[in-house]
Amino acid sequence: MPKPIIIAPHLSVEELYCLYRQTSDPIERTRYQIIWLLAKGSKTSEVAVVTG
């Protein structure tokens, strides 16, 4: 069984969501989306489906 990904709480889930929504760089936006989804408790398989 793979190890779960743990996100260090440097930013809150709300702050990550704001960064994800505000950035105009598509690569940076995808990275923030992945981190935000993992931080809010989504499974890696769900994140992979959502982000491609």
PDB file of N, CA and C in Angstrom:
ATOM      1  N   MET A   1       0.844  -1.180   0.000  1.00  0.00           N
ATOM      2  CA  MET A   1       0.000   0.000   0.000  1.00  0.00           C
ATOM      3  C   MET A   1       0.891   1.246   0.000  1.00  0.00           C
ATOM      4  N   PRO A   2       0.628   2.205  -0.902  1.00  0.00           N
ATOM      5  CA  PRO A   2       1.455   3.415  -0.956  1.00  0.00           C
ATOM      6  C   PRO A   2       1.245   4.294   0.271  1.00  0.00           C
ATOM      7  N   LYS A   3       2.288   5.057   0.585  1.00  0.00           N
ATOM      8  CA  LYS A   3       2.202   5.982   1.712  1.00  0.00           C
ATOM      9  C   LYS A   3       1.309   7.159   1.337  1.00  0.00           C
ATOM     10  N   PRO A   4       0.537   7.662   2.285  1.00  0.00           N
ATOM     11  CA  PRO A   4      -0.277   8.848   1.995  1.00  0.00           C
ATOM     12  C   PRO A   4       0.606  10.086   1.860  1.00  0.00           C
ATOM     13  N   ILE A   5       0.178  11.005   1.058  1.00  0.00           N
ATOM     14  CA  ILE A   5       0.895  12.268   0.896  1.00  0.00           C
ATOM     15  C   ILE A   5       0.439  13.202   2.004  1.00  0.00           C
ATOM     16  N   ILE A   6       1.402  13.746   2.734  1.00  0.00           N
ATOM     17  CA  ILE A   6       1.095  14.657   3.833  1.00  0.00           C
ATOM     18  C   ILE A   6       1.559  16.058   3.445  1.00  0.00           C
ATOM     19  N   ILE A   7       0.660  17.003   3.523  1.00  0.00           N
ATOM     20  CA  ILE A   7       0.965  18.393   3.193  1.00  0.00           C
ATOM     21  C   ILE A   7       1.267  19.141   4.486  1.00  0.00           C
ATOM     22  N   ALA A   8       2.457  19.740   4.565  1.00  0.00           N
ATOM     23  CA  ALA A   8       2.815  20.539   5.742  1.00  0.00           C
ATOM     24  C   ALA A   8       1.931  21.780   5.775  1.00  0.00           C
ATOM     25  N   PRO A   9       1.417  22.137   6.938  1.00  0.00           N
ATOM     26  CA  PRO A   9       0.446  23.240   7.035  1.00  0.00           C
ATOM     27  C   PRO A   9       1.072  24.639   7.026  1.00  0.00           C
ATOM     28  N   HIS A  10       1.813  24.966   5.972  1.00  0.00           N
ATOM     29  CA  HIS A  10       2.387  26.308   5.859  1.00  0.00           C
ATOM     30  C   HIS A  10       1.307  27.337   5.537  1.00  0.00           C
ATOM     31  N   LEU A  11       0.338  26.921   4.743  1.00  0.00           N
ATOM     32  CA  LEU A  11      -0.791  27.777   4.373  1.00  0.00           C
ATOM     33  C   LEU A  11      -2.082  27.033   4.689  1.00  0.00           C
ATOM     34  N   SER A  12      -3.133  27.785   4.979  1.00  0.00           N
ATOM     35  CA  SER A  12      -4.429  27.157   5.243  1.00  0.00           C
ATOM     36  C   SER A  12      -5.046  26.685   3.924  1.00  0.00           C
ATOM     37  N   VAL A  13      -6.054  25.852   4.031  1.00  0.00           N
ATOM     38  CA  VAL A  13      -6.764  25.368   2.845  1.00  0.00           C
ATOM     39  C   VAL A  13      -7.370  26.552   2.094  1.00  0.00           C
ATOM     40  N   GLU A  14      -7.896  27.516   2.829  1.00  0.00           N
ATOM     41  CA  GLU A  14      -8.493  28.703   2.207  1.00  0.00           C
ATOM     42  C   GLU A  14      -7.442  29.530   1.458  1.00  0.00           C
ATOM     43  N   GLU A  15      -6.261  29.682   2.049  1.00  0.00           N
ATOM     44  CA  GLU A  15      -5.189  30.435   1.388  1.00  0.00           C
ATOM     45  C   GLU A  15      -4.726  29.725   0.117  1.00  0.00           C
ATOM     46  N   LEU A  16      -4.616  28.409   0.178  1.00  0.00           N
ATOM     47  CA  LEU A  16      -4.230  27.649  -1.009  1.00  0.00           C
ATOM     48  C   LEU A  16      -5.271  27.792  -2.114  1.00  0.00           C
ATOM     49  N   TYR A  17      -6.554  27.757  -1.734  1.00  0.00           N
ATOM     50  CA  TYR A  17      -7.622  27.927  -2.718  1.00  0.00           C
ATOM     51  C   TYR A  17      -7.527  29.302  -3.380  1.00  0.00           C
ATOM     52  N   CYS A  18      -7.283  30.338  -2.589  1.00  0.00           N
ATOM     53  CA  CYS A  18      -7.157  31.694  -3.134  1.00  0.00           C
ATOM     54  C   CYS A  18      -5.979  31.789  -4.100  1.00  0.00           C
ATOM     55  N   LEU A  19      -4.850  31.205  -3.733  1.00  0.00           N
ATOM     56  CA  LEU A  19      -3.688  31.220  -4.624  1.00  0.00           C
ATOM     57  C   LEU A  19      -3.992  30.474  -5.918  1.00  0.00           C
ATOM     58  N   TYR A  20      -4.665  29.341  -5.810  1.00  0.00           N
ATOM     59  CA  TYR A  20      -5.053  28.548  -6.985  1.00  0.00           C
ATOM     60  C   TYR A  20      -5.953  29.362  -7.910  1.00  0.00           C
ATOM     61  N   ARG A  21      -6.907  30.080  -7.360  1.00  0.00           N
ATOM     62  CA  ARG A  21      -7.863  30.837  -8.169  1.00  0.00           C
ATOM     63  C   ARG A  21      -7.282  32.138  -8.728  1.00  0.00           C
ATOM     64  N   GLN A  22      -6.282  32.716  -8.059  1.00  0.00           N
ATOM     65  CA  GLN A  22      -5.781  34.033  -8.447  1.00  0.00           C
ATOM     66  C   GLN A  22      -4.649  34.006  -9.469  1.00  0.00           C
ATOM     67  N   THR A  23      -3.882  32.935  -9.519  1.00  0.00           N
ATOM     68  CA  THR A  23      -2.725  32.930 -10.405  1.00  0.00           C
ATOM     69  C   THR A  23      -3.149  32.828 -11.870  1.00  0.00           C
ATOM     70  N   SER A  24      -2.376  33.475 -12.730  1.00  0.00           N
ATOM     71  CA  SER A  24      -2.687  33.436 -14.161  1.00  0.00           C
ATOM     72  C   SER A  24      -1.785  32.455 -14.914  1.00  0.00           C
ATOM     73  N   ASP A  25      -0.699  32.017 -14.303  1.00  0.00           N
ATOM     74  CA  ASP A  25       0.211  31.052 -14.915  1.00  0.00           C
ATOM     75  C   ASP A  25      -0.429  29.661 -14.848  1.00  0.00           C
ATOM     76  N   PRO A  26      -0.665  29.016 -15.990  1.00  0.00           N
ATOM     77  CA  PRO A  26      -1.370  27.728 -15.978  1.00  0.00           C
ATOM     78  C   PRO A  26      -0.624  26.613 -15.237  1.00  0.00           C
ATOM     79  N   ILE A  27       0.685  26.603 -15.290  1.00  0.00           N
ATOM     80  CA  ILE A  27       1.450  25.569 -14.584  1.00  0.00           C
ATOM     81  C   ILE A  27       1.370  25.788 -13.084  1.00  0.00           C
ATOM     82  N   GLU A  28       1.559  27.031 -12.666  1.00  0.00           N
ATOM     83  CA  GLU A  28       1.460  27.364 -11.244  1.00  0.00           C
ATOM     84  C   GLU A  28       0.050  27.091 -10.726  1.00  0.00           C
ATOM     85  N   ARG A  29      -0.942  27.374 -11.554  1.00  0.00           N
ATOM     86  CA  ARG A  29      -2.342  27.137 -11.168  1.00  0.00           C
ATOM     87  C   ARG A  29      -2.597  25.650 -10.908  1.00  0.00           C
ATOM     88  N   THR A  30      -2.090  24.798 -11.785  1.00  0.00           N
ATOM     89  CA  THR A  30      -2.257  23.356 -11.605  1.00  0.00           C
ATOM     90  C   THR A  30      -1.555  22.876 -10.343  1.00  0.00           C
ATOM     91  N   ARG A  31      -0.374  23.396 -10.083  1.00  0.00           N
ATOM     92  CA  ARG A  31       0.353  23.004  -8.869  1.00  0.00           C
ATOM     93  C   ARG A  31      -0.417  23.397  -7.622  1.00  0.00           C
ATOM     94  N   TYR A  32      -0.924  24.626  -7.589  1.00  0.00           N
ATOM     95  CA  TYR A  32      -1.715  25.059  -6.432  1.00  0.00           C
ATOM     96  C   TYR A  32      -2.995  24.237  -6.301  1.00  0.00           C
ATOM     97  N   GLN A  33      -3.602  23.879  -7.422  1.00  0.00           N
ATOM     98  CA  GLN A  33      -4.818  23.064  -7.372  1.00  0.00           C
ATOM     99  C   GLN A  33      -4.522  21.703  -6.748  1.00  0.00           C
ATOM    100  N   ILE A  34      -3.425  21.083  -7.152  1.00  0.00           N
ATOM    101  CA  ILE A  34      -3.048  19.780  -6.601  1.00  0.00           C
ATOM    102  C   ILE A  34      -2.795  19.886  -5.103  1.00  0.00           C
ATOM    103  N   ILE A  35      -2.025  20.888  -4.695  1.00  0.00           N
ATOM    104  CA  ILE A  35      -1.721  21.060  -3.271  1.00  0.00           C
ATOM    105  C   ILE A  35      -2.992  21.355  -2.490  1.00  0.00           C
ATOM    106  N   TRP A  36      -3.863  22.197  -3.025  1.00  0.00           N
ATOM    107  CA  TRP A  36      -5.128  22.537  -2.357  1.00  0.00           C
ATOM    108  C   TRP A  36      -6.003  21.297  -2.178  1.00  0.00           C
ATOM    109  N   LEU A  37      -6.141  20.501  -3.234  1.00  0.00           N
ATOM    110  CA  LEU A  37      -6.973  19.300  -3.149  1.00  0.00           C
ATOM    111  C   LEU A  37      -6.424  18.307  -2.125  1.00  0.00           C
ATOM    112  N   LEU A  38      -5.112  18.121  -2.109  1.00  0.00           N
ATOM    113  CA  LEU A  38      -4.512  17.213  -1.131  1.00  0.00           C
ATOM    114  C   LEU A  38      -4.660  17.756   0.283  1.00  0.00           C
ATOM    115  N   ALA A  39      -4.491  19.063   0.448  1.00  0.00           N
ATOM    116  CA  ALA A  39      -4.593  19.678   1.777  1.00  0.00           C
ATOM    117  C   ALA A  39      -6.005  19.567   2.338  1.00  0.00           C
ATOM    118  N   LYS A  40      -7.008  19.578   1.468  1.00  0.00           N
ATOM    119  CA  LYS A  40      -8.380  19.478   1.970  1.00  0.00           C
ATOM    120  C   LYS A  40      -8.836  18.034   2.154  1.00  0.00           C
ATOM    121  N   GLY A  41      -7.921  17.078   1.895  1.00  0.00           N
ATOM    122  CA  GLY A  41      -8.210  15.688   2.210  1.00  0.00           C
ATOM    123  C   GLY A  41      -8.576  14.789   1.048  1.00  0.00           C
ATOM    124  N   SER A  42      -8.462  15.280  -0.170  1.00  0.00           N
ATOM    125  CA  SER A  42      -8.762  14.433  -1.331  1.00  0.00           C
ATOM    126  C   SER A  42      -7.711  13.337  -1.470  1.00  0.00           C
ATOM    127  N   LYS A  43      -8.123  12.192  -1.978  1.00  0.00           N
ATOM    128  CA  LYS A  43      -7.198  11.084  -2.216  1.00  0.00           C
ATOM    129  C   LYS A  43      -6.383  11.372  -3.470  1.00  0.00           C
ATOM    130  N   THR A  44      -5.179  10.804  -3.528  1.00  0.00           N
ATOM    131  CA  THR A  44      -4.320  11.045  -4.684  1.00  0.00           C
ATOM    132  C   THR A  44      -4.972  10.572  -5.980  1.00  0.00           C
ATOM    133  N   SER A  45      -5.724   9.488  -5.927  1.00  0.00           N
ATOM    134  CA  SER A  45      -6.396   9.002  -7.135  1.00  0.00           C
ATOM    135  C   SER A  45      -7.457   9.997  -7.610  1.00  0.00           C
ATOM    136  N   GLU A  46      -8.153  10.632  -6.680  1.00  0.00           N
ATOM    137  CA  GLU A  46      -9.150  11.653  -7.033  1.00  0.00           C
ATOM    138  C   GLU A  46      -8.472  12.879  -7.629  1.00  0.00           C
ATOM    139  N   VAL A  47      -7.348  13.282  -7.036  1.00  0.00           N
ATOM    140  CA  VAL A  47      -6.603  14.442  -7.534  1.00  0.00           C
ATOM    141  C   VAL A  47      -6.102  14.168  -8.948  1.00  0.00           C
ATOM    142  N   ALA A  48      -5.632  12.961  -9.191  1.00  0.00           N
ATOM    143  CA  ALA A  48      -5.139  12.594 -10.519  1.00  0.00           C
ATOM    144  C   ALA A  48      -6.240  12.680 -11.564  1.00  0.00           C
ATOM    145  N   VAL A  49      -7.439  12.251 -11.219  1.00  0.00           N
ATOM    146  CA  VAL A  49      -8.564  12.310 -12.156  1.00  0.00           C
ATOM    147  C   VAL A  49      -8.942  13.761 -12.444  1.00  0.00           C
ATOM    148  N   VAL A  50      -8.995  14.585 -11.410  1.00  0.00           N
ATOM    149  CA  VAL A  50      -9.415  15.979 -11.555  1.00  0.00           C
ATOM    150  C   VAL A  50      -8.391  16.793 -12.340  1.00  0.00           C
ATOM    151  N   THR A  51      -7.112  16.580 -12.063  1.00  0.00           N
ATOM    152  CA  THR A  51      -6.078  17.423 -12.661  1.00  0.00           C
ATOM    153  C   THR A  51      -5.465  16.839 -13.922  1.00  0.00           C
ATOM    154  N   GLY A  52      -5.771  15.606 -14.208  1.00  0.00           N
ATOM    155  CA  GLY A  52      -5.283  14.995 -15.430  1.00  0.00           C
ATOM    156  C   GLY A  52      -3.917  14.445 -15.262  1.00  0.00           C
TER     157      GLY A  52
END
